[in-house]
N, C-alpha and C. Protein backbone atom coordinates (compact mmCIF):
# COMPACT_ATOMS: atom_id res chain seq x y z
N MET A 1 -23.67 25.53 -33.56
CA MET A 1 -22.79 24.63 -34.32
C MET A 1 -22.12 23.68 -32.96
N LYS A 2 -22.17 22.61 -33.45
CA LYS A 2 -22.12 21.63 -32.46
C LYS A 2 -21.17 21.62 -31.64
N GLY A 3 -21.23 21.69 -30.21
CA GLY A 3 -20.33 21.55 -28.92
C GLY A 3 -19.86 22.74 -28.74
N LYS A 4 -20.67 23.93 -29.28
CA LYS A 4 -20.08 25.56 -28.87
C LYS A 4 -21.23 26.24 -27.83
N ARG A 5 -22.17 25.12 -27.99
CA ARG A 5 -23.14 26.03 -26.82
C ARG A 5 -22.57 25.92 -25.38
N SER A 6 -22.90 27.29 -24.74
CA SER A 6 -22.26 27.25 -23.56
C SER A 6 -22.98 26.74 -22.16
N ILE A 7 -22.73 26.13 -21.27
CA ILE A 7 -22.79 25.54 -20.22
C ILE A 7 -22.90 26.20 -19.21
N LEU A 8 -23.64 25.74 -17.90
CA LEU A 8 -23.50 26.22 -16.62
C LEU A 8 -22.36 25.13 -15.96
N TYR A 9 -21.65 25.98 -15.54
CA TYR A 9 -20.29 25.16 -14.49
C TYR A 9 -20.77 25.72 -13.27
N ILE A 10 -20.56 24.93 -12.16
CA ILE A 10 -20.58 25.18 -10.94
C ILE A 10 -19.16 24.63 -10.01
N ASN A 11 -18.63 25.89 -9.40
CA ASN A 11 -17.31 25.47 -8.55
C ASN A 11 -17.95 25.51 -7.24
N ILE A 12 -17.99 24.20 -6.63
CA ILE A 12 -19.11 24.47 -5.82
C ILE A 12 -17.50 24.72 -4.53
N SER A 13 -16.75 25.02 -4.38
CA SER A 13 -15.43 25.44 -3.62
C SER A 13 -15.70 26.91 -3.35
N ARG A 14 -16.14 27.74 -4.21
CA ARG A 14 -16.37 29.09 -4.40
C ARG A 14 -18.01 29.66 -4.20
N CYS A 15 -18.76 28.66 -3.57
CA CYS A 15 -20.05 29.09 -3.20
C CYS A 15 -20.01 29.42 -1.79
N LEU A 16 -20.62 30.23 -1.42
CA LEU A 16 -20.70 31.02 0.09
C LEU A 16 -22.06 30.60 0.28
N ALA A 17 -22.95 30.23 -0.33
CA ALA A 17 -24.35 30.04 -0.18
C ALA A 17 -25.44 31.20 0.60
N CYS A 18 -24.68 32.18 -0.22
CA CYS A 18 -25.22 33.70 -0.23
C CYS A 18 -26.52 33.55 -0.72
N ARG A 19 -27.20 32.78 -1.72
CA ARG A 19 -28.58 32.36 -2.66
C ARG A 19 -28.81 33.87 -3.22
N SER A 20 -27.66 34.49 -3.88
CA SER A 20 -27.77 35.70 -4.58
C SER A 20 -28.10 35.04 -6.08
N CYS A 21 -27.51 33.81 -6.35
CA CYS A 21 -28.72 33.23 -7.64
C CYS A 21 -30.00 32.90 -7.43
N GLU A 22 -30.62 32.39 -6.42
CA GLU A 22 -31.60 32.46 -6.03
C GLU A 22 -32.91 33.85 -6.63
N LEU A 23 -32.16 34.76 -5.71
CA LEU A 23 -32.93 36.01 -5.84
C LEU A 23 -32.77 36.58 -7.32
N ALA A 24 -31.51 36.55 -7.96
CA ALA A 24 -31.59 37.10 -9.40
C ALA A 24 -32.68 36.07 -10.48
N CYS A 25 -32.75 34.89 -10.11
CA CYS A 25 -33.54 33.63 -10.68
C CYS A 25 -34.96 34.42 -10.20
N VAL A 26 -35.40 34.83 -9.35
CA VAL A 26 -36.41 34.73 -9.00
C VAL A 26 -37.20 36.39 -9.99
N VAL A 27 -36.21 37.48 -9.65
CA VAL A 27 -36.10 38.54 -10.84
C VAL A 27 -36.49 38.57 -11.98
N GLU A 28 -35.35 37.80 -12.57
CA GLU A 28 -35.74 37.71 -13.89
C GLU A 28 -36.60 36.56 -14.26
N HIS A 29 -37.50 35.78 -13.90
CA HIS A 29 -38.60 34.91 -14.34
C HIS A 29 -40.03 35.73 -13.67
N SER A 30 -39.75 36.93 -13.13
CA SER A 30 -41.02 37.86 -12.68
C SER A 30 -41.60 38.23 -14.15
N ARG A 31 -42.38 38.83 -13.60
CA ARG A 31 -43.61 39.72 -14.70
C ARG A 31 -42.88 41.22 -14.82
N ALA A 32 -42.23 41.56 -13.41
CA ALA A 32 -41.93 42.80 -12.98
C ALA A 32 -40.27 43.07 -13.11
N LYS A 33 -39.62 42.15 -13.47
CA LYS A 33 -38.15 42.03 -14.14
C LYS A 33 -37.44 42.99 -13.29
N GLU A 34 -37.84 43.51 -11.66
CA GLU A 34 -37.02 44.34 -10.91
C GLU A 34 -37.52 43.36 -9.10
N LEU A 35 -36.41 43.88 -8.45
CA LEU A 35 -36.30 43.34 -7.06
C LEU A 35 -37.59 43.34 -6.14
N VAL A 36 -38.32 44.59 -6.13
CA VAL A 36 -39.47 45.30 -5.55
C VAL A 36 -40.76 44.52 -5.94
N GLY A 37 -40.72 44.56 -6.95
CA GLY A 37 -42.23 44.60 -7.86
C GLY A 37 -42.28 42.94 -7.38
N ALA A 38 -40.61 41.99 -7.93
CA ALA A 38 -40.73 40.65 -7.66
C ALA A 38 -41.62 40.07 -6.71
N VAL A 39 -41.12 40.59 -5.44
CA VAL A 39 -41.42 40.28 -4.24
C VAL A 39 -43.24 40.30 -3.65
N TRP A 40 -43.52 41.35 -4.64
CA TRP A 40 -44.76 41.46 -4.61
C TRP A 40 -45.79 41.01 -5.74
N GLU A 41 -45.33 40.00 -6.24
CA GLU A 41 -46.22 39.47 -7.41
C GLU A 41 -47.07 38.22 -7.02
N THR A 42 -48.00 38.08 -7.56
CA THR A 42 -49.16 36.57 -7.07
C THR A 42 -49.76 36.45 -8.53
N PRO A 43 -49.19 35.00 -8.55
CA PRO A 43 -48.65 33.88 -7.83
C PRO A 43 -47.01 34.79 -7.57
N ARG A 44 -46.89 34.14 -6.26
CA ARG A 44 -45.27 34.42 -6.14
C ARG A 44 -44.20 33.19 -7.10
N GLN A 45 -43.53 34.41 -7.41
CA GLN A 45 -42.39 33.21 -8.57
C GLN A 45 -40.99 32.78 -7.37
N LEU A 46 -41.09 31.13 -7.82
CA LEU A 46 -40.13 30.68 -7.26
C LEU A 46 -38.77 30.36 -7.81
N PRO A 47 -37.39 30.06 -7.21
CA PRO A 47 -36.54 30.07 -8.10
C PRO A 47 -36.15 29.00 -8.72
N ARG A 48 -35.85 29.00 -9.99
CA ARG A 48 -35.48 27.56 -10.74
C ARG A 48 -33.95 27.11 -10.64
N VAL A 49 -33.47 27.88 -9.35
CA VAL A 49 -31.77 27.91 -9.20
C VAL A 49 -31.96 27.78 -7.59
N TRP A 50 -31.53 26.82 -6.80
CA TRP A 50 -31.32 26.79 -5.26
C TRP A 50 -30.00 26.29 -4.59
N VAL A 51 -29.91 26.76 -3.52
CA VAL A 51 -28.57 26.47 -2.96
C VAL A 51 -29.16 25.22 -1.73
N ALA A 52 -28.30 24.19 -1.84
CA ALA A 52 -28.46 23.18 -1.02
C ALA A 52 -27.36 22.86 -0.32
N ALA A 53 -27.74 22.18 1.08
CA ALA A 53 -26.56 22.00 1.76
C ALA A 53 -25.53 20.66 1.14
N ALA A 54 -24.30 20.98 1.17
CA ALA A 54 -23.58 19.67 0.55
C ALA A 54 -22.35 19.27 1.84
N GLY A 55 -22.54 19.05 2.62
CA GLY A 55 -21.70 18.45 3.85
C GLY A 55 -21.36 19.48 4.03
N ASN A 56 -19.96 19.93 4.06
CA ASN A 56 -19.81 21.61 5.36
C ASN A 56 -20.04 22.71 4.10
N GLY A 57 -20.13 22.14 2.93
CA GLY A 57 -20.07 23.42 1.90
C GLY A 57 -21.46 23.89 1.66
N ALA A 58 -21.85 23.95 0.28
CA ALA A 58 -23.32 24.33 -0.45
C ALA A 58 -22.86 24.23 -1.96
N VAL A 59 -24.33 23.79 -2.76
CA VAL A 59 -23.99 23.67 -3.93
C VAL A 59 -25.26 24.40 -4.45
N PRO A 60 -25.11 24.92 -5.64
CA PRO A 60 -26.46 25.66 -6.79
C PRO A 60 -26.75 24.49 -7.28
N LEU A 61 -28.04 24.16 -7.15
CA LEU A 61 -28.97 23.31 -7.88
C LEU A 61 -29.65 23.72 -8.96
N GLN A 62 -29.63 23.04 -10.26
CA GLN A 62 -30.47 23.79 -11.24
C GLN A 62 -30.36 22.40 -12.54
N CYS A 63 -31.52 22.67 -13.23
CA CYS A 63 -31.43 21.88 -14.27
C CYS A 63 -30.11 21.70 -15.04
N ARG A 64 -29.75 20.68 -15.21
CA ARG A 64 -28.65 20.20 -15.79
C ARG A 64 -28.48 19.68 -18.03
N GLN A 65 -29.74 19.88 -18.14
CA GLN A 65 -30.19 19.79 -19.62
C GLN A 65 -29.58 18.68 -19.69
N CYS A 66 -29.62 17.42 -19.08
CA CYS A 66 -29.41 16.03 -20.23
C CYS A 66 -29.41 15.99 -21.51
N VAL A 67 -28.54 15.64 -21.99
CA VAL A 67 -28.89 15.22 -23.65
C VAL A 67 -30.08 14.42 -23.53
N ASN A 68 -30.13 13.18 -23.37
CA ASN A 68 -31.27 12.39 -23.29
C ASN A 68 -32.08 12.49 -21.83
N ALA A 69 -32.92 13.68 -22.56
CA ALA A 69 -33.15 14.22 -20.73
C ALA A 69 -34.53 13.58 -20.78
N PRO A 70 -34.75 12.79 -19.26
CA PRO A 70 -36.06 12.04 -19.23
C PRO A 70 -37.07 12.72 -19.20
N CYS A 71 -37.28 14.09 -18.49
CA CYS A 71 -38.15 14.45 -18.40
C CYS A 71 -38.74 15.07 -19.78
N VAL A 72 -38.30 15.30 -20.78
CA VAL A 72 -38.34 15.07 -22.21
C VAL A 72 -39.46 14.07 -22.78
N GLU A 73 -38.60 12.89 -22.30
CA GLU A 73 -39.18 11.60 -22.87
C GLU A 73 -40.51 11.35 -22.02
N ILE A 74 -40.58 11.64 -20.88
CA ILE A 74 -41.85 10.99 -20.19
C ILE A 74 -42.79 11.88 -20.15
N CYS A 75 -42.82 13.01 -20.26
CA CYS A 75 -43.82 14.14 -20.53
C CYS A 75 -45.15 13.68 -21.47
N PRO A 76 -46.11 13.49 -21.36
CA PRO A 76 -47.23 13.14 -21.64
C PRO A 76 -47.79 13.63 -22.91
N THR A 77 -47.73 15.12 -22.33
CA THR A 77 -48.32 15.65 -23.25
C THR A 77 -47.53 17.02 -23.93
N LYS A 78 -46.18 16.66 -24.12
CA LYS A 78 -45.06 17.27 -24.75
C LYS A 78 -44.92 18.55 -24.15
N ALA A 79 -44.83 18.93 -22.93
CA ALA A 79 -45.23 20.48 -22.38
C ALA A 79 -43.73 20.44 -22.22
N ILE A 80 -42.55 19.71 -22.25
CA ILE A 80 -41.24 19.32 -22.37
C ILE A 80 -40.66 19.60 -23.33
N GLN A 81 -39.98 20.56 -23.92
CA GLN A 81 -39.36 20.34 -25.35
C GLN A 81 -37.92 20.98 -25.42
N ARG A 82 -37.29 20.27 -26.59
CA ARG A 82 -36.10 21.36 -26.54
C ARG A 82 -35.80 21.66 -28.05
N ALA A 83 -35.67 22.63 -28.42
CA ALA A 83 -35.69 22.94 -29.68
C ALA A 83 -34.73 22.43 -30.92
N SER A 84 -33.81 22.24 -30.02
CA SER A 84 -32.66 21.84 -30.97
C SER A 84 -31.66 20.94 -29.78
N GLU A 85 -31.06 19.74 -30.50
CA GLU A 85 -30.10 19.12 -29.50
C GLU A 85 -28.99 19.82 -28.90
N GLU A 86 -28.61 21.13 -29.46
CA GLU A 86 -27.81 21.69 -28.15
C GLU A 86 -28.42 23.15 -27.38
N SER A 87 -29.80 23.23 -27.44
CA SER A 87 -30.86 24.07 -27.02
C SER A 87 -31.19 23.46 -25.74
N PRO A 88 -31.43 24.30 -24.66
CA PRO A 88 -31.74 23.87 -22.96
C PRO A 88 -33.16 23.46 -23.12
N VAL A 89 -33.37 22.82 -22.41
CA VAL A 89 -34.94 21.83 -22.19
C VAL A 89 -35.97 23.12 -21.99
N TYR A 90 -36.67 23.38 -21.78
CA TYR A 90 -38.08 24.31 -21.89
C TYR A 90 -39.13 23.51 -21.88
N ILE A 91 -40.33 24.59 -20.75
CA ILE A 91 -41.63 24.52 -20.75
C ILE A 91 -42.30 24.90 -21.47
N LYS A 92 -43.25 24.34 -22.30
CA LYS A 92 -44.66 24.99 -22.90
C LYS A 92 -45.66 24.83 -21.58
N HIS A 93 -45.59 25.84 -20.86
CA HIS A 93 -46.95 25.99 -19.99
C HIS A 93 -48.14 25.69 -19.99
N GLU A 94 -48.67 26.11 -21.32
CA GLU A 94 -49.97 25.76 -21.50
C GLU A 94 -49.92 24.59 -21.81
N LEU A 95 -49.12 23.55 -21.90
CA LEU A 95 -49.53 22.43 -22.39
C LEU A 95 -49.42 21.59 -21.15
N CYS A 96 -48.79 21.82 -19.85
CA CYS A 96 -48.39 21.33 -18.95
C CYS A 96 -49.87 20.80 -17.97
N ILE A 97 -49.69 19.75 -17.98
CA ILE A 97 -51.18 19.24 -17.05
C ILE A 97 -50.96 19.09 -15.81
N GLY A 98 -49.56 19.41 -15.01
CA GLY A 98 -49.64 18.95 -13.69
C GLY A 98 -49.38 17.34 -13.41
N CYS A 99 -49.09 16.55 -14.13
CA CYS A 99 -48.81 15.17 -13.61
C CYS A 99 -47.60 14.54 -12.95
N LYS A 100 -46.77 15.59 -12.79
CA LYS A 100 -45.55 15.41 -12.16
C LYS A 100 -44.25 13.81 -12.51
N TRP A 101 -44.86 13.82 -13.37
CA TRP A 101 -44.18 12.47 -13.77
C TRP A 101 -42.61 13.45 -14.28
N CYS A 102 -42.34 13.93 -14.80
CA CYS A 102 -41.08 14.52 -15.01
C CYS A 102 -40.40 14.97 -13.69
N ILE A 103 -40.87 15.28 -12.77
CA ILE A 103 -40.59 15.19 -11.38
C ILE A 103 -40.16 14.05 -11.10
N LEU A 104 -40.50 13.21 -11.26
CA LEU A 104 -39.92 11.53 -10.86
C LEU A 104 -38.78 11.10 -11.40
N ALA A 105 -39.05 11.73 -12.84
CA ALA A 105 -37.80 11.12 -13.50
C ALA A 105 -36.84 11.90 -13.66
N CYS A 106 -36.75 12.96 -13.17
CA CYS A 106 -35.63 14.05 -13.04
C CYS A 106 -34.44 13.42 -12.38
N PRO A 107 -32.85 12.88 -12.76
CA PRO A 107 -32.21 12.46 -11.85
C PRO A 107 -31.80 13.31 -11.00
N PHE A 108 -31.96 14.39 -11.00
CA PHE A 108 -31.07 15.29 -10.17
C PHE A 108 -31.75 16.40 -9.07
N GLY A 109 -33.36 15.60 -9.75
CA GLY A 109 -34.57 16.39 -8.12
C GLY A 109 -34.64 17.90 -8.78
N VAL A 110 -34.13 18.48 -9.84
CA VAL A 110 -34.26 19.81 -9.97
C VAL A 110 -35.30 20.17 -10.52
N ILE A 111 -36.63 19.27 -10.87
CA ILE A 111 -37.94 19.85 -11.37
C ILE A 111 -38.79 20.08 -10.27
N ARG A 112 -40.22 21.24 -10.20
CA ARG A 112 -40.77 21.13 -9.13
C ARG A 112 -42.33 21.97 -9.58
N MET A 113 -43.09 22.03 -8.77
CA MET A 113 -44.29 22.83 -9.29
C MET A 113 -44.00 23.82 -9.09
N ASP A 114 -44.93 24.81 -9.50
CA ASP A 114 -44.86 26.40 -9.64
C ASP A 114 -45.43 26.63 -7.84
N SER A 115 -45.20 27.93 -7.53
CA SER A 115 -46.29 28.26 -6.52
C SER A 115 -47.41 28.12 -6.23
N ALA A 116 -48.07 28.36 -7.25
CA ALA A 116 -49.85 27.71 -7.63
C ALA A 116 -49.82 26.42 -7.63
N GLY A 117 -49.13 25.40 -7.77
CA GLY A 117 -48.96 23.93 -7.74
C GLY A 117 -50.29 23.47 -9.31
N GLN A 118 -50.08 24.41 -10.09
CA GLN A 118 -50.76 24.12 -11.74
C GLN A 118 -49.59 23.68 -12.59
N THR A 119 -48.45 24.14 -12.58
CA THR A 119 -47.88 23.46 -13.51
C THR A 119 -46.38 23.51 -13.31
N ILE A 120 -45.05 22.82 -13.68
CA ILE A 120 -43.75 22.82 -13.33
C ILE A 120 -42.95 23.85 -13.85
N ILE A 121 -42.00 24.07 -13.32
CA ILE A 121 -40.88 24.70 -13.21
C ILE A 121 -39.54 24.32 -13.40
N LYS A 122 -38.18 24.87 -13.88
CA LYS A 122 -37.06 24.23 -14.37
C LYS A 122 -36.31 25.21 -14.67
N CYS A 123 -35.09 25.14 -14.77
CA CYS A 123 -34.07 25.88 -15.16
C CYS A 123 -34.40 26.20 -16.59
N ASP A 124 -34.32 27.22 -17.29
CA ASP A 124 -34.32 27.32 -18.59
C ASP A 124 -32.73 28.36 -19.14
N GLU A 125 -31.78 27.97 -18.11
CA GLU A 125 -30.66 28.73 -18.60
C GLU A 125 -31.04 30.45 -18.93
N CYS A 126 -32.15 31.02 -18.36
CA CYS A 126 -32.41 32.25 -19.12
C CYS A 126 -32.17 32.10 -20.65
N SER A 127 -32.68 31.74 -21.12
CA SER A 127 -32.65 31.34 -23.00
C SER A 127 -33.13 32.55 -23.45
N GLU A 128 -34.10 33.46 -22.67
CA GLU A 128 -34.39 34.88 -23.46
C GLU A 128 -33.19 35.80 -23.24
N ARG A 129 -32.54 35.84 -22.15
CA ARG A 129 -31.14 36.91 -21.65
C ARG A 129 -30.11 36.20 -22.57
N VAL A 130 -29.98 35.07 -22.81
CA VAL A 130 -28.59 34.19 -23.71
C VAL A 130 -29.19 34.80 -25.18
N ALA A 131 -29.98 34.30 -25.57
CA ALA A 131 -30.79 34.77 -26.77
C ALA A 131 -30.37 36.62 -27.26
N LEU A 132 -30.29 37.32 -26.20
CA LEU A 132 -29.83 38.23 -26.42
C LEU A 132 -28.22 38.80 -26.70
N GLY A 133 -27.77 37.89 -26.00
CA GLY A 133 -26.31 38.26 -25.80
C GLY A 133 -25.59 38.08 -24.39
N GLY A 134 -26.69 38.04 -23.88
CA GLY A 134 -26.19 37.90 -22.26
C GLY A 134 -25.94 36.71 -21.71
N ILE A 135 -25.83 36.57 -20.43
CA ILE A 135 -25.72 34.95 -19.58
C ILE A 135 -27.25 34.81 -18.32
N PRO A 136 -26.91 33.83 -18.09
CA PRO A 136 -28.36 33.85 -16.96
C PRO A 136 -27.75 34.59 -15.94
N ALA A 137 -29.39 34.67 -15.22
CA ALA A 137 -29.13 35.64 -14.15
C ALA A 137 -28.46 35.44 -13.04
N CYS A 138 -28.44 34.10 -12.88
CA CYS A 138 -27.87 33.55 -11.46
C CYS A 138 -26.74 33.49 -11.39
N VAL A 139 -25.99 33.53 -12.81
CA VAL A 139 -24.41 33.57 -13.26
C VAL A 139 -24.11 34.90 -12.92
N SER A 140 -24.25 35.98 -13.59
CA SER A 140 -24.62 37.49 -13.39
C SER A 140 -24.41 37.94 -11.85
N ALA A 141 -25.12 37.36 -11.12
CA ALA A 141 -25.53 37.66 -9.55
C ALA A 141 -24.47 37.03 -8.73
N CYS A 142 -23.90 35.87 -9.04
CA CYS A 142 -23.04 35.08 -8.12
C CYS A 142 -21.48 36.03 -8.03
N PRO A 143 -21.16 36.41 -6.39
CA PRO A 143 -20.07 37.38 -6.44
C PRO A 143 -19.09 36.59 -6.57
N THR A 144 -19.16 35.37 -6.13
CA THR A 144 -17.79 34.66 -5.99
C THR A 144 -17.34 33.75 -7.09
N LYS A 145 -18.28 34.45 -8.35
CA LYS A 145 -18.10 33.31 -9.63
C LYS A 145 -18.01 31.96 -9.42
N ALA A 146 -18.80 31.43 -8.54
CA ALA A 146 -18.80 29.92 -8.08
C ALA A 146 -20.01 29.10 -9.72
N LEU A 147 -20.69 30.03 -9.79
CA LEU A 147 -21.57 29.57 -11.25
C LEU A 147 -20.68 30.45 -12.39
N GLN A 148 -20.53 29.83 -13.34
CA GLN A 148 -20.35 30.53 -15.07
C GLN A 148 -20.73 29.63 -15.69
N TYR A 149 -20.82 30.55 -17.02
CA TYR A 149 -21.87 30.10 -18.19
C TYR A 149 -20.31 30.12 -19.13
N LYS A 150 -19.80 29.22 -19.62
CA LYS A 150 -18.62 29.06 -20.63
C LYS A 150 -19.13 27.78 -21.53
N PRO A 151 -18.32 28.14 -22.87
CA PRO A 151 -18.69 26.48 -23.43
C PRO A 151 -17.62 25.31 -22.89
N LEU A 152 -18.07 24.35 -23.51
CA LEU A 152 -17.40 22.99 -22.61
C LEU A 152 -16.17 23.05 -23.02
N ASP A 153 -15.87 23.56 -23.95
CA ASP A 153 -14.15 23.38 -24.36
C ASP A 153 -13.06 24.10 -23.26
N GLU A 154 -13.92 25.26 -23.14
CA GLU A 154 -13.24 26.40 -22.27
C GLU A 154 -12.79 25.89 -20.56
N ILE A 155 -14.25 25.17 -20.56
CA ILE A 155 -14.20 24.60 -18.99
C ILE A 155 -13.24 23.17 -18.78
N LEU A 156 -12.98 22.59 -19.98
CA LEU A 156 -12.57 21.04 -20.15
C LEU A 156 -10.64 21.71 -20.11
N GLU A 157 -10.59 22.88 -20.96
CA GLU A 157 -9.11 23.34 -20.63
C GLU A 157 -8.85 24.12 -19.38
N ALA A 158 -9.74 24.57 -18.66
CA ALA A 158 -9.34 25.04 -17.79
C ALA A 158 -8.80 23.64 -16.61
N LYS A 159 -9.60 23.22 -16.73
CA LYS A 159 -9.69 21.90 -16.06
C LYS A 159 -8.48 21.13 -16.33
N ARG A 160 -7.84 21.12 -17.53
CA ARG A 160 -6.64 20.42 -17.76
C ARG A 160 -5.44 21.04 -17.51
N GLU A 161 -5.33 22.29 -17.41
CA GLU A 161 -4.10 23.21 -16.94
C GLU A 161 -4.21 23.21 -15.58
N ALA A 162 -5.30 23.09 -14.59
CA ALA A 162 -5.32 22.87 -13.06
C ALA A 162 -4.44 21.60 -12.91
N PHE A 163 -4.92 20.73 -13.50
CA PHE A 163 -4.66 19.50 -13.64
C PHE A 163 -2.94 19.41 -13.69
N LEU A 164 -2.72 19.50 -14.69
CA LEU A 164 -1.05 19.77 -15.00
C LEU A 164 -0.10 20.36 -14.21
N VAL A 165 -0.53 21.62 -13.54
CA VAL A 165 -0.15 22.40 -12.77
C VAL A 165 -0.15 21.65 -11.58
N GLN A 166 -0.80 20.63 -11.25
CA GLN A 166 -1.15 19.87 -9.75
C GLN A 166 0.02 18.54 -9.60
N ILE A 167 0.00 18.19 -11.21
CA ILE A 167 0.94 17.23 -11.39
C ILE A 167 2.47 17.59 -11.58
N GLU A 168 2.84 18.88 -12.17
CA GLU A 168 3.97 19.81 -12.16
C GLU A 168 4.60 19.96 -10.29
N ARG A 169 3.68 20.34 -9.90
CA ARG A 169 3.83 20.75 -8.27
C ARG A 169 4.31 19.46 -7.78
N SER A 170 3.57 18.06 -7.87
CA SER A 170 3.92 17.07 -7.21
C SER A 170 5.28 16.19 -7.93
N LEU A 171 5.64 16.37 -9.04
CA LEU A 171 6.82 15.97 -9.50
C LEU A 171 7.95 17.01 -9.39
N ASP A 172 7.90 18.28 -8.59
CA ASP A 172 8.90 19.24 -8.39
C ASP A 172 8.93 18.91 -6.81
N GLY A 173 8.10 18.16 -6.24
CA GLY A 173 8.23 18.05 -4.46
C GLY A 173 7.39 19.01 -4.12
N GLY A 174 6.63 20.37 -4.71
CA GLY A 174 5.18 20.74 -3.94
C GLY A 174 6.48 22.26 -4.10
N LYS A 175 7.42 22.63 -4.78
CA LYS A 175 8.57 23.32 -4.56
C LYS A 175 7.71 24.79 -5.17
N LYS A 176 7.15 24.93 -6.14
CA LYS A 176 6.10 25.89 -7.11
C LYS A 176 4.81 26.53 -6.07
C-alpha cells in the first residue's frame, strides 16, 4: 500500500555515538547471526550503517533508499535493484562486478566495498527481518531510540505535534 512502508528515522539529538547500531548490523549480516561467531568470520563483515562525527554530536549513516535511486540507475549489470516502488534498494551480489559507479553516484556516500573488495554493500533495512514482522537490527539495538523505523505519516504527525507545542509555548511567553 503506497505511503505505508516504514522508513528509518534518525533523531540525531539522541545519538550517543555508542556504535550499537554498527555492531547489530554486522551480526545481522553475518553467517553466524551471533556476536562471537560474527567477530571470527572470514571475510569479515562490515556494517552497513556507521556512526560519523557531526559537529559536536554524531549521526548514524545508512542508505536513505532514494525514490529515484542514482545507484539503481547507474549500475551497468543491474546488480542494484528495487523489487517495487515501495521496497528498499537491494544488491544482487552475484551480478556486482565491483565497478564502483554506484559509490560515486550515491548522494549520501553510504555505499562501500565489502571487506574482500569484490562487491558493494549498503543498508537493505534488514529486509529479511522486516518481512518476518521485525524491525531493522540497528533500530532494535539503539539504546536511546535515536534510530526508529516507522511509517512516514507517523513521523510527520509527531513532528507536527512538536512544532505546534513549540508555537503554543512561544505564544504563551514560555509559561508551559
